PDB file of N, CA and C in Angstrom:
ATOM      1  N   MET A   1     -25.167  -7.184  27.900  1.00  0.00           N
ATOM      2  CA  MET A   1     -24.716  -6.061  27.104  1.00  0.00           C
ATOM      3  C   MET A   1     -24.882  -6.412  25.625  1.00  0.00           C
ATOM      4  N   GLN A   2     -25.397  -5.480  24.858  1.00  0.00           N
ATOM      5  CA  GLN A   2     -25.594  -5.681  23.429  1.00  0.00           C
ATOM      6  C   GLN A   2     -24.403  -5.136  22.652  1.00  0.00           C
ATOM      7  N   THR A   3     -24.132  -5.769  21.524  1.00  0.00           N
ATOM      8  CA  THR A   3     -23.038  -5.350  20.660  1.00  0.00           C
ATOM      9  C   THR A   3     -23.610  -4.818  19.358  1.00  0.00           C
ATOM     10  N   PHE A   4     -23.079  -3.694  18.882  1.00  0.00           N
ATOM     11  CA  PHE A   4     -23.511  -3.184  17.579  1.00  0.00           C
ATOM     12  C   PHE A   4     -22.367  -3.306  16.592  1.00  0.00           C
ATOM     13  N   ALA A   5     -22.724  -3.564  15.320  1.00  0.00           N
ATOM     14  CA  ALA A   5     -21.726  -3.842  14.293  1.00  0.00           C
ATOM     15  C   ALA A   5     -21.535  -2.696  13.317  1.00  0.00           C
ATOM     16  N   ASN A   6     -22.262  -1.604  13.515  1.00  0.00           N
ATOM     17  CA  ASN A   6     -22.192  -0.502  12.577  1.00  0.00           C
ATOM     18  C   ASN A   6     -22.293   0.807  13.354  1.00  0.00           C
ATOM     19  N   TRP A   7     -21.467   1.782  13.040  1.00  0.00           N
ATOM     20  CA  TRP A   7     -21.496   3.052  13.774  1.00  0.00           C
ATOM     21  C   TRP A   7     -22.815   3.780  13.596  1.00  0.00           C
ATOM     22  N   GLU A   8     -23.541   3.508  12.512  1.00  0.00           N
ATOM     23  CA  GLU A   8     -24.836   4.147  12.299  1.00  0.00           C
ATOM     24  C   GLU A   8     -25.867   3.690  13.332  1.00  0.00           C
ATOM     25  N   ASP A   9     -25.588   2.607  14.048  1.00  0.00           N
ATOM     26  CA  ASP A   9     -26.497   2.118  15.090  1.00  0.00           C
ATOM     27  C   ASP A   9     -26.408   2.946  16.374  1.00  0.00           C
ATOM     28  N   VAL A  10     -25.415   3.827  16.437  1.00  0.00           N
ATOM     29  CA  VAL A  10     -25.294   4.709  17.601  1.00  0.00           C
ATOM     30  C   VAL A  10     -26.188   5.920  17.342  1.00  0.00           C
ATOM     31  N   PRO A  11     -27.184   6.134  18.212  1.00  0.00           N
ATOM     32  CA  PRO A  11     -28.113   7.244  17.963  1.00  0.00           C
ATOM     33  C   PRO A  11     -27.501   8.603  18.284  1.00  0.00           C
ATOM     34  N   ILE A  12     -28.188   9.644  17.853  1.00  0.00           N
ATOM     35  CA  ILE A  12     -27.858  11.002  18.268  1.00  0.00           C
ATOM     36  C   ILE A  12     -28.586  11.191  19.602  1.00  0.00           C
ATOM     37  N   PHE A  13     -27.858  11.564  20.638  1.00  0.00           N
ATOM     38  CA  PHE A  13     -28.423  11.605  21.976  1.00  0.00           C
ATOM     39  C   PHE A  13     -29.032  12.968  22.291  1.00  0.00           C
ATOM     40  N   ASP A  14     -30.160  12.930  23.002  1.00  0.00           N
ATOM     41  CA  ASP A  14     -30.828  14.160  23.431  1.00  0.00           C
ATOM     42  C   ASP A  14     -30.199  14.743  24.691  1.00  0.00           C
ATOM     43  N   SER A  15     -29.551  13.868  25.470  1.00  0.00           N
ATOM     44  CA  SER A  15     -28.971  14.320  26.731  1.00  0.00           C
ATOM     45  C   SER A  15     -27.787  13.431  27.097  1.00  0.00           C
ATOM     46  N   GLU A  16     -26.990  13.905  28.038  1.00  0.00           N
ATOM     47  CA  GLU A  16     -25.872  13.096  28.517  1.00  0.00           C
ATOM     48  C   GLU A  16     -26.384  11.852  29.232  1.00  0.00           C
ATOM     49  N   GLU A  17     -27.523  11.971  29.883  1.00  0.00           N
ATOM     50  CA  GLU A  17     -28.106  10.818  30.579  1.00  0.00           C
ATOM     51  C   GLU A  17     -28.482   9.717  29.587  1.00  0.00           C
ATOM     52  N   ALA A  18     -29.101  10.089  28.472  1.00  0.00           N
ATOM     53  CA  ALA A  18     -29.463   9.113  27.444  1.00  0.00           C
ATOM     54  C   ALA A  18     -28.209   8.462  26.863  1.00  0.00           C
ATOM     55  N   GLU A  19     -27.172   9.260  26.671  1.00  0.00           N
ATOM     56  CA  GLU A  19     -25.923   8.733  26.145  1.00  0.00           C
ATOM     57  C   GLU A  19     -25.279   7.763  27.136  1.00  0.00           C
ATOM     58  N   SER A  20     -25.316   8.121  28.405  1.00  0.00           N
ATOM     59  CA  SER A  20     -24.758   7.260  29.447  1.00  0.00           C
ATOM     60  C   SER A  20     -25.485   5.918  29.495  1.00  0.00           C
ATOM     61  N   VAL A  21     -26.801   5.941  29.395  1.00  0.00           N
ATOM     62  CA  VAL A  21     -27.591   4.708  29.405  1.00  0.00           C
ATOM     63  C   VAL A  21     -27.226   3.848  28.202  1.00  0.00           C
ATOM     64  N   PHE A  22     -27.093   4.483  27.032  1.00  0.00           N
ATOM     65  CA  PHE A  22     -26.754   3.724  25.822  1.00  0.00           C
ATOM     66  C   PHE A  22     -25.416   3.018  25.984  1.00  0.00           C
ATOM     67  N   TRP A  23     -24.367   3.749  26.413  1.00  0.00           N
ATOM     68  CA  TRP A  23     -23.035   3.157  26.505  1.00  0.00           C
ATOM     69  C   TRP A  23     -22.928   2.155  27.653  1.00  0.00           C
ATOM     70  N   THR A  24     -23.806   2.242  28.629  1.00  0.00           N
ATOM     71  CA  THR A  24     -23.834   1.253  29.698  1.00  0.00           C
ATOM     72  C   THR A  24     -24.383  -0.073  29.180  1.00  0.00           C
ATOM     73  N   GLU A  25     -25.288   0.007  28.205  1.00  0.00           N
ATOM     74  CA  GLU A  25     -25.970  -1.187  27.702  1.00  0.00           C
ATOM     75  C   GLU A  25     -25.432  -1.692  26.375  1.00  0.00           C
ATOM     76  N   ASN A  26     -24.568  -0.949  25.715  1.00  0.00           N
ATOM     77  CA  ASN A  26     -24.097  -1.306  24.376  1.00  0.00           C
ATOM     78  C   ASN A  26     -22.591  -1.140  24.257  1.00  0.00           C
ATOM     79  N   ARG A  27     -22.019  -1.880  23.321  1.00  0.00           N
ATOM     80  CA  ARG A  27     -20.596  -1.734  23.019  1.00  0.00           C
ATOM     81  C   ARG A  27     -20.375  -2.049  21.547  1.00  0.00           C
ATOM     82  N   PRO A  28     -19.332  -1.469  20.944  1.00  0.00           N
ATOM     83  CA  PRO A  28     -19.047  -1.751  19.530  1.00  0.00           C
ATOM     84  C   PRO A  28     -18.487  -3.165  19.361  1.00  0.00           C
ATOM     85  N   ALA A  29     -18.792  -3.770  18.223  1.00  0.00           N
ATOM     86  CA  ALA A  29     -18.260  -5.089  17.902  1.00  0.00           C
ATOM     87  C   ALA A  29     -16.745  -5.000  17.748  1.00  0.00           C
ATOM     88  N   LEU A  30     -16.093  -6.090  17.999  1.00  0.00           N
ATOM     89  CA  LEU A  30     -14.640  -6.138  17.898  1.00  0.00           C
ATOM     90  C   LEU A  30     -14.168  -5.727  16.507  1.00  0.00           C
ATOM     91  N   ARG A  31     -14.895  -6.120  15.458  1.00  0.00           N
ATOM     92  CA  ARG A  31     -14.534  -5.763  14.088  1.00  0.00           C
ATOM     93  C   ARG A  31     -14.469  -4.248  13.906  1.00  0.00           C
ATOM     94  N   LEU A  32     -15.412  -3.538  14.521  1.00  0.00           N
ATOM     95  CA  LEU A  32     -15.394  -2.075  14.417  1.00  0.00           C
ATOM     96  C   LEU A  32     -14.172  -1.498  15.113  1.00  0.00           C
ATOM     97  N   MET A  33     -13.857  -2.031  16.260  1.00  0.00           N
ATOM     98  CA  MET A  33     -12.700  -1.528  17.003  1.00  0.00           C
ATOM     99  C   MET A  33     -11.396  -1.857  16.283  1.00  0.00           C
ATOM    100  N   GLU A  34     -11.307  -3.055  15.717  1.00  0.00           N
ATOM    101  CA  GLU A  34     -10.100  -3.424  14.972  1.00  0.00           C
ATOM    102  C   GLU A  34      -9.946  -2.548  13.737  1.00  0.00           C
ATOM    103  N   GLY A  35     -11.075  -2.220  13.099  1.00  0.00           N
ATOM    104  CA  GLY A  35     -11.022  -1.352  11.921  1.00  0.00           C
ATOM    105  C   GLY A  35     -10.571   0.053  12.263  1.00  0.00           C
ATOM    106  N   ALA A  36     -10.871   0.491  13.476  1.00  0.00           N
ATOM    107  CA  ALA A  36     -10.478   1.829  13.900  1.00  0.00           C
ATOM    108  C   ALA A  36      -9.002   1.896  14.264  1.00  0.00           C
ATOM    109  N   VAL A  37      -8.433   0.763  14.697  1.00  0.00           N
ATOM    110  CA  VAL A  37      -7.025   0.720  15.102  1.00  0.00           C
ATOM    111  C   VAL A  37      -6.367  -0.412  14.334  1.00  0.00           C
ATOM    112  N   SER A  38      -6.038  -0.139  13.109  1.00  0.00           N
ATOM    113  CA  SER A  38      -5.429  -1.162  12.262  1.00  0.00           C
ATOM    114  C   SER A  38      -3.923  -0.970  12.229  1.00  0.00           C
ATOM    115  N   ASP A  39      -3.190  -2.088  12.240  1.00  0.00           N
ATOM    116  CA  ASP A  39      -1.746  -1.962  12.207  1.00  0.00           C
ATOM    117  C   ASP A  39      -1.131  -2.582  10.955  1.00  0.00           C
ATOM    118  N   ASN A  40      -1.970  -2.911   9.957  1.00  0.00           N
ATOM    119  CA  ASN A  40      -1.375  -3.488   8.753  1.00  0.00           C
ATOM    120  C   ASN A  40      -0.744  -2.386   7.902  1.00  0.00           C
ATOM    121  N   SER A  41       0.176  -2.759   7.048  1.00  0.00           N
ATOM    122  CA  SER A  41       0.955  -1.764   6.303  1.00  0.00           C
ATOM    123  C   SER A  41       0.089  -0.958   5.345  1.00  0.00           C
ATOM    124  N   GLU A  42      -0.962  -1.573   4.813  1.00  0.00           N
ATOM    125  CA  GLU A  42      -1.828  -0.845   3.886  1.00  0.00           C
ATOM    126  C   GLU A  42      -2.487   0.341   4.590  1.00  0.00           C
ATOM    127  N   ALA A  43      -2.921   0.152   5.829  1.00  0.00           N
ATOM    128  CA  ALA A  43      -3.579   1.223   6.564  1.00  0.00           C
ATOM    129  C   ALA A  43      -2.585   2.286   7.021  1.00  0.00           C
ATOM    130  N   SER A  44      -1.330   1.898   7.266  1.00  0.00           N
ATOM    131  CA  SER A  44      -0.370   2.869   7.763  1.00  0.00           C
ATOM    132  C   SER A  44       0.168   3.775   6.657  1.00  0.00           C
ATOM    133  N   GLU A  45       0.058   3.349   5.421  1.00  0.00           N
ATOM    134  CA  GLU A  45       0.449   4.197   4.301  1.00  0.00           C
ATOM    135  C   GLU A  45      -0.796   4.936   3.837  1.00  0.00           C
ATOM    136  N   SER A  46      -0.736   6.239   3.799  1.00  0.00           N
ATOM    137  CA  SER A  46      -1.919   6.982   3.376  1.00  0.00           C
ATOM    138  C   SER A  46      -1.541   8.054   2.369  1.00  0.00           C
ATOM    139  N   VAL A  47      -2.538   8.434   1.605  1.00  0.00           N
ATOM    140  CA  VAL A  47      -2.390   9.464   0.587  1.00  0.00           C
ATOM    141  C   VAL A  47      -3.401  10.548   0.899  1.00  0.00           C
ATOM    142  N   THR A  48      -3.008  11.776   0.810  1.00  0.00           N
ATOM    143  CA  THR A  48      -3.916  12.885   1.061  1.00  0.00           C
ATOM    144  C   THR A  48      -4.750  13.161  -0.179  1.00  0.00           C
ATOM    145  N   VAL A  49      -6.059  13.297   0.025  1.00  0.00           N
ATOM    146  CA  VAL A  49      -6.962  13.670  -1.060  1.00  0.00           C
ATOM    147  C   VAL A  49      -7.769  14.886  -0.603  1.00  0.00           C
ATOM    148  N   THR A  50      -8.303  15.597  -1.539  1.00  0.00           N
ATOM    149  CA  THR A  50      -9.131  16.758  -1.227  1.00  0.00           C
ATOM    150  C   THR A  50     -10.544  16.490  -1.696  1.00  0.00           C
ATOM    151  N   LEU A  51     -11.497  16.675  -0.793  1.00  0.00           N
ATOM    152  CA  LEU A  51     -12.915  16.550  -1.117  1.00  0.00           C
ATOM    153  C   LEU A  51     -13.586  17.877  -0.800  1.00  0.00           C
ATOM    154  N   ARG A  52     -14.497  18.283  -1.641  1.00  0.00           N
ATOM    155  CA  ARG A  52     -15.228  19.514  -1.373  1.00  0.00           C
ATOM    156  C   ARG A  52     -16.642  19.152  -0.918  1.00  0.00           C
ATOM    157  N   PHE A  53     -17.034  19.672   0.252  1.00  0.00           N
ATOM    158  CA  PHE A  53     -18.353  19.434   0.811  1.00  0.00           C
ATOM    159  C   PHE A  53     -19.097  20.745   0.929  1.00  0.00           C
ATOM    160  N   ASP A  54     -20.395  20.670   0.803  1.00  0.00           N
ATOM    161  CA  ASP A  54     -21.248  21.790   1.141  1.00  0.00           C
ATOM    162  C   ASP A  54     -21.021  22.074   2.636  1.00  0.00           C
ATOM    163  N   PRO A  55     -20.891  23.324   3.046  1.00  0.00           N
ATOM    164  CA  PRO A  55     -20.611  23.626   4.459  1.00  0.00           C
ATOM    165  C   PRO A  55     -21.630  23.036   5.430  1.00  0.00           C
ATOM    166  N   ARG A  56     -22.902  23.002   5.023  1.00  0.00           N
ATOM    167  CA  ARG A  56     -23.925  22.422   5.910  1.00  0.00           C
ATOM    168  C   ARG A  56     -23.731  20.926   6.061  1.00  0.00           C
ATOM    169  N   MET A  57     -23.364  20.252   4.960  1.00  0.00           N
ATOM    170  CA  MET A  57     -23.126  18.815   5.033  1.00  0.00           C
ATOM    171  C   MET A  57     -21.934  18.519   5.936  1.00  0.00           C
ATOM    172  N   LEU A  58     -20.869  19.298   5.784  1.00  0.00           N
ATOM    173  CA  LEU A  58     -19.689  19.095   6.616  1.00  0.00           C
ATOM    174  C   LEU A  58     -20.014  19.328   8.090  1.00  0.00           C
ATOM    175  N   ALA A  59     -20.815  20.322   8.381  1.00  0.00           N
ATOM    176  CA  ALA A  59     -21.215  20.590   9.766  1.00  0.00           C
ATOM    177  C   ALA A  59     -21.996  19.401  10.332  1.00  0.00           C
ATOM    178  N   ARG A  60     -22.875  18.816   9.531  1.00  0.00           N
ATOM    179  CA  ARG A  60     -23.644  17.650   9.992  1.00  0.00           C
ATOM    180  C   ARG A  60     -22.727  16.448  10.211  1.00  0.00           C
ATOM    181  N   ILE A  61     -21.767  16.256   9.318  1.00  0.00           N
ATOM    182  CA  ILE A  61     -20.813  15.153   9.471  1.00  0.00           C
ATOM    183  C   ILE A  61     -20.013  15.334  10.758  1.00  0.00           C
ATOM    184  N   LYS A  62     -19.541  16.535  10.999  1.00  0.00           N
ATOM    185  CA  LYS A  62     -18.766  16.801  12.212  1.00  0.00           C
ATOM    186  C   LYS A  62     -19.608  16.581  13.465  1.00  0.00           C
ATOM    187  N   ARG A  63     -20.874  16.992  13.417  1.00  0.00           N
ATOM    188  CA  ARG A  63     -21.765  16.802  14.564  1.00  0.00           C
ATOM    189  C   ARG A  63     -21.978  15.316  14.842  1.00  0.00           C
ATOM    190  N   LEU A  64     -22.192  14.539  13.777  1.00  0.00           N
ATOM    191  CA  LEU A  64     -22.345  13.083  13.940  1.00  0.00           C
ATOM    192  C   LEU A  64     -21.087  12.461  14.527  1.00  0.00           C
ATOM    193  N   ALA A  65     -19.955  12.859  14.019  1.00  0.00           N
ATOM    194  CA  ALA A  65     -18.684  12.309  14.501  1.00  0.00           C
ATOM    195  C   ALA A  65     -18.480  12.645  15.978  1.00  0.00           C
ATOM    196  N   ARG A  66     -18.763  13.888  16.349  1.00  0.00           N
ATOM    197  CA  ARG A  66     -18.617  14.283  17.760  1.00  0.00           C
ATOM    198  C   ARG A  66     -19.512  13.453  18.657  1.00  0.00           C
ATOM    199  N   SER A  67     -20.732  13.180  18.202  1.00  0.00           N
ATOM    200  CA  SER A  67     -21.655  12.406  19.025  1.00  0.00           C
ATOM    201  C   SER A  67     -21.179  10.974  19.210  1.00  0.00           C
ATOM    202  N   ARG A  68     -20.286  10.526  18.329  1.00  0.00           N
ATOM    203  CA  ARG A  68     -19.732   9.167  18.411  1.00  0.00           C
ATOM    204  C   ARG A  68     -18.294   9.165  18.920  1.00  0.00           C
ATOM    205  N   TYR A  69     -17.830  10.315  19.381  1.00  0.00           N
ATOM    206  CA  TYR A  69     -16.465  10.469  19.900  1.00  0.00           C
ATOM    207  C   TYR A  69     -15.421  10.067  18.872  1.00  0.00           C
ATOM    208  N   LEU A  70     -15.659  10.470  17.628  1.00  0.00           N
ATOM    209  CA  LEU A  70     -14.734  10.166  16.542  1.00  0.00           C
ATOM    210  C   LEU A  70     -14.265  11.455  15.891  1.00  0.00           C
ATOM    211  N   ASN A  71     -13.107  11.402  15.281  1.00  0.00           N
ATOM    212  CA  ASN A  71     -12.642  12.463  14.405  1.00  0.00           C
ATOM    213  C   ASN A  71     -13.468  12.346  13.117  1.00  0.00           C
ATOM    214  N   TYR A  72     -13.962  13.447  12.584  1.00  0.00           N
ATOM    215  CA  TYR A  72     -14.843  13.352  11.430  1.00  0.00           C
ATOM    216  C   TYR A  72     -14.154  12.725  10.222  1.00  0.00           C
ATOM    217  N   GLN A  73     -12.859  12.973  10.067  1.00  0.00           N
ATOM    218  CA  GLN A  73     -12.149  12.389   8.929  1.00  0.00           C
ATOM    219  C   GLN A  73     -12.049  10.871   9.076  1.00  0.00           C
ATOM    220  N   SER A  74     -11.825  10.400  10.281  1.00  0.00           N
ATOM    221  CA  SER A  74     -11.780   8.956  10.525  1.00  0.00           C
ATOM    222  C   SER A  74     -13.141   8.324  10.258  1.00  0.00           C
ATOM    223  N   MET A  75     -14.203   9.017  10.675  1.00  0.00           N
ATOM    224  CA  MET A  75     -15.541   8.488  10.451  1.00  0.00           C
ATOM    225  C   MET A  75     -15.845   8.393   8.954  1.00  0.00           C
ATOM    226  N   VAL A  76     -15.481   9.400   8.195  1.00  0.00           N
ATOM    227  CA  VAL A  76     -15.716   9.378   6.746  1.00  0.00           C
ATOM    228  C   VAL A  76     -14.926   8.239   6.100  1.00  0.00           C
ATOM    229  N   LYS A  77     -13.665   8.056   6.527  1.00  0.00           N
ATOM    230  CA  LYS A  77     -12.868   6.933   5.997  1.00  0.00           C
ATOM    231  C   LYS A  77     -13.523   5.606   6.335  1.00  0.00           C
ATOM    232  N   GLN A  78     -14.057   5.497   7.535  1.00  0.00           N
ATOM    233  CA  GLN A  78     -14.724   4.262   7.943  1.00  0.00           C
ATOM    234  C   GLN A  78     -15.969   4.033   7.088  1.00  0.00           C
ATOM    235  N   TRP A  79     -16.751   5.069   6.849  1.00  0.00           N
ATOM    236  CA  TRP A  79     -17.927   4.937   5.998  1.00  0.00           C
ATOM    237  C   TRP A  79     -17.535   4.457   4.601  1.00  0.00           C
ATOM    238  N   LEU A  80     -16.483   5.056   4.043  1.00  0.00           N
ATOM    239  CA  LEU A  80     -16.040   4.656   2.709  1.00  0.00           C
ATOM    240  C   LEU A  80     -15.583   3.202   2.699  1.00  0.00           C
ATOM    241  N   SER A  81     -14.880   2.803   3.727  1.00  0.00           N
ATOM    242  CA  SER A  81     -14.408   1.427   3.825  1.00  0.00           C
ATOM    243  C   SER A  81     -15.576   0.445   3.914  1.00  0.00           C
ATOM    244  N   GLU A  82     -16.564   0.771   4.764  1.00  0.00           N
ATOM    245  CA  GLU A  82     -17.730  -0.096   4.908  1.00  0.00           C
ATOM    246  C   GLU A  82     -18.496  -0.200   3.594  1.00  0.00           C
ATOM    247  N   ARG A  83     -18.653   0.909   2.905  1.00  0.00           N
ATOM    248  CA  ARG A  83     -19.383   0.903   1.630  1.00  0.00           C
ATOM    249  C   ARG A  83     -18.624   0.117   0.569  1.00  0.00           C
ATOM    250  N   MET A  84     -17.302   0.250   0.556  1.00  0.00           N
ATOM    251  CA  MET A  84     -16.486  -0.487  -0.394  1.00  0.00           C
ATOM    252  C   MET A  84     -16.635  -1.989  -0.160  1.00  0.00           C
ATOM    253  N   GLU A  85     -16.602  -2.407   1.111  1.00  0.00           N
ATOM    254  CA  GLU A  85     -16.799  -3.827   1.430  1.00  0.00           C
ATOM    255  C   GLU A  85     -18.166  -4.304   0.954  1.00  0.00           C
ATOM    256  N   GLN A  86     -19.187  -3.489   1.183  1.00  0.00           N
ATOM    257  CA  GLN A  86     -20.540  -3.836   0.756  1.00  0.00           C
ATOM    258  C   GLN A  86     -20.612  -3.991  -0.763  1.00  0.00           C
ATOM    259  N   GLU A  87     -20.018  -3.059  -1.486  1.00  0.00           N
ATOM    260  CA  GLU A  87     -20.038  -3.115  -2.944  1.00  0.00           C
ATOM    261  C   GLU A  87     -19.314  -4.369  -3.454  1.00  0.00           C
ATOM    262  N   LEU A  88     -18.196  -4.701  -2.829  1.00  0.00           N
ATOM    263  CA  LEU A  88     -17.444  -5.884  -3.261  1.00  0.00           C
ATOM    264  C   LEU A  88     -18.195  -7.167  -2.964  1.00  0.00           C
ATOM    265  N   LYS A  89     -18.934  -7.210  -1.874  1.00  0.00           N
ATOM    266  CA  LYS A  89     -19.731  -8.402  -1.527  1.00  0.00           C
ATOM    267  C   LYS A  89     -20.888  -8.602  -2.500  1.00  0.00           C
ATOM    268  N   GLU A  90     -21.429  -7.507  -3.028  1.00  0.00           N
ATOM    269  CA  GLU A  90     -22.596  -7.574  -3.919  1.00  0.00           C
ATOM    270  C   GLU A  90     -22.221  -7.992  -5.335  1.00  0.00           C
ATOM    271  N   ARG A  91     -20.952  -8.045  -5.640  1.00  0.00           N
ATOM    272  CA  ARG A  91     -20.524  -8.422  -6.999  1.00  0.00           C
ATOM    273  C   ARG A  91     -20.788  -9.863  -7.286  1.00  0.00           C
TER     274      ARG A  91
END
């Protein structure tokens, strides 16, 4: 079984059969799963923010999230977190 370390490595599936084959052969890395279910105090305290998206962009984000069995807001937070880590590493 192969492990992937980034949600972007999960393809958009053409069929349920293709999706079934992918999940039979692949699994998310532990780091991704821990990031999705964090119990530290920083993650449990949250602040509401408002972002404005073009309706087409939001529809695409929601479609991507659905294909990954994620809530779109959680996926966007994960993307921001991953990008923030990347930016901090590049300093």
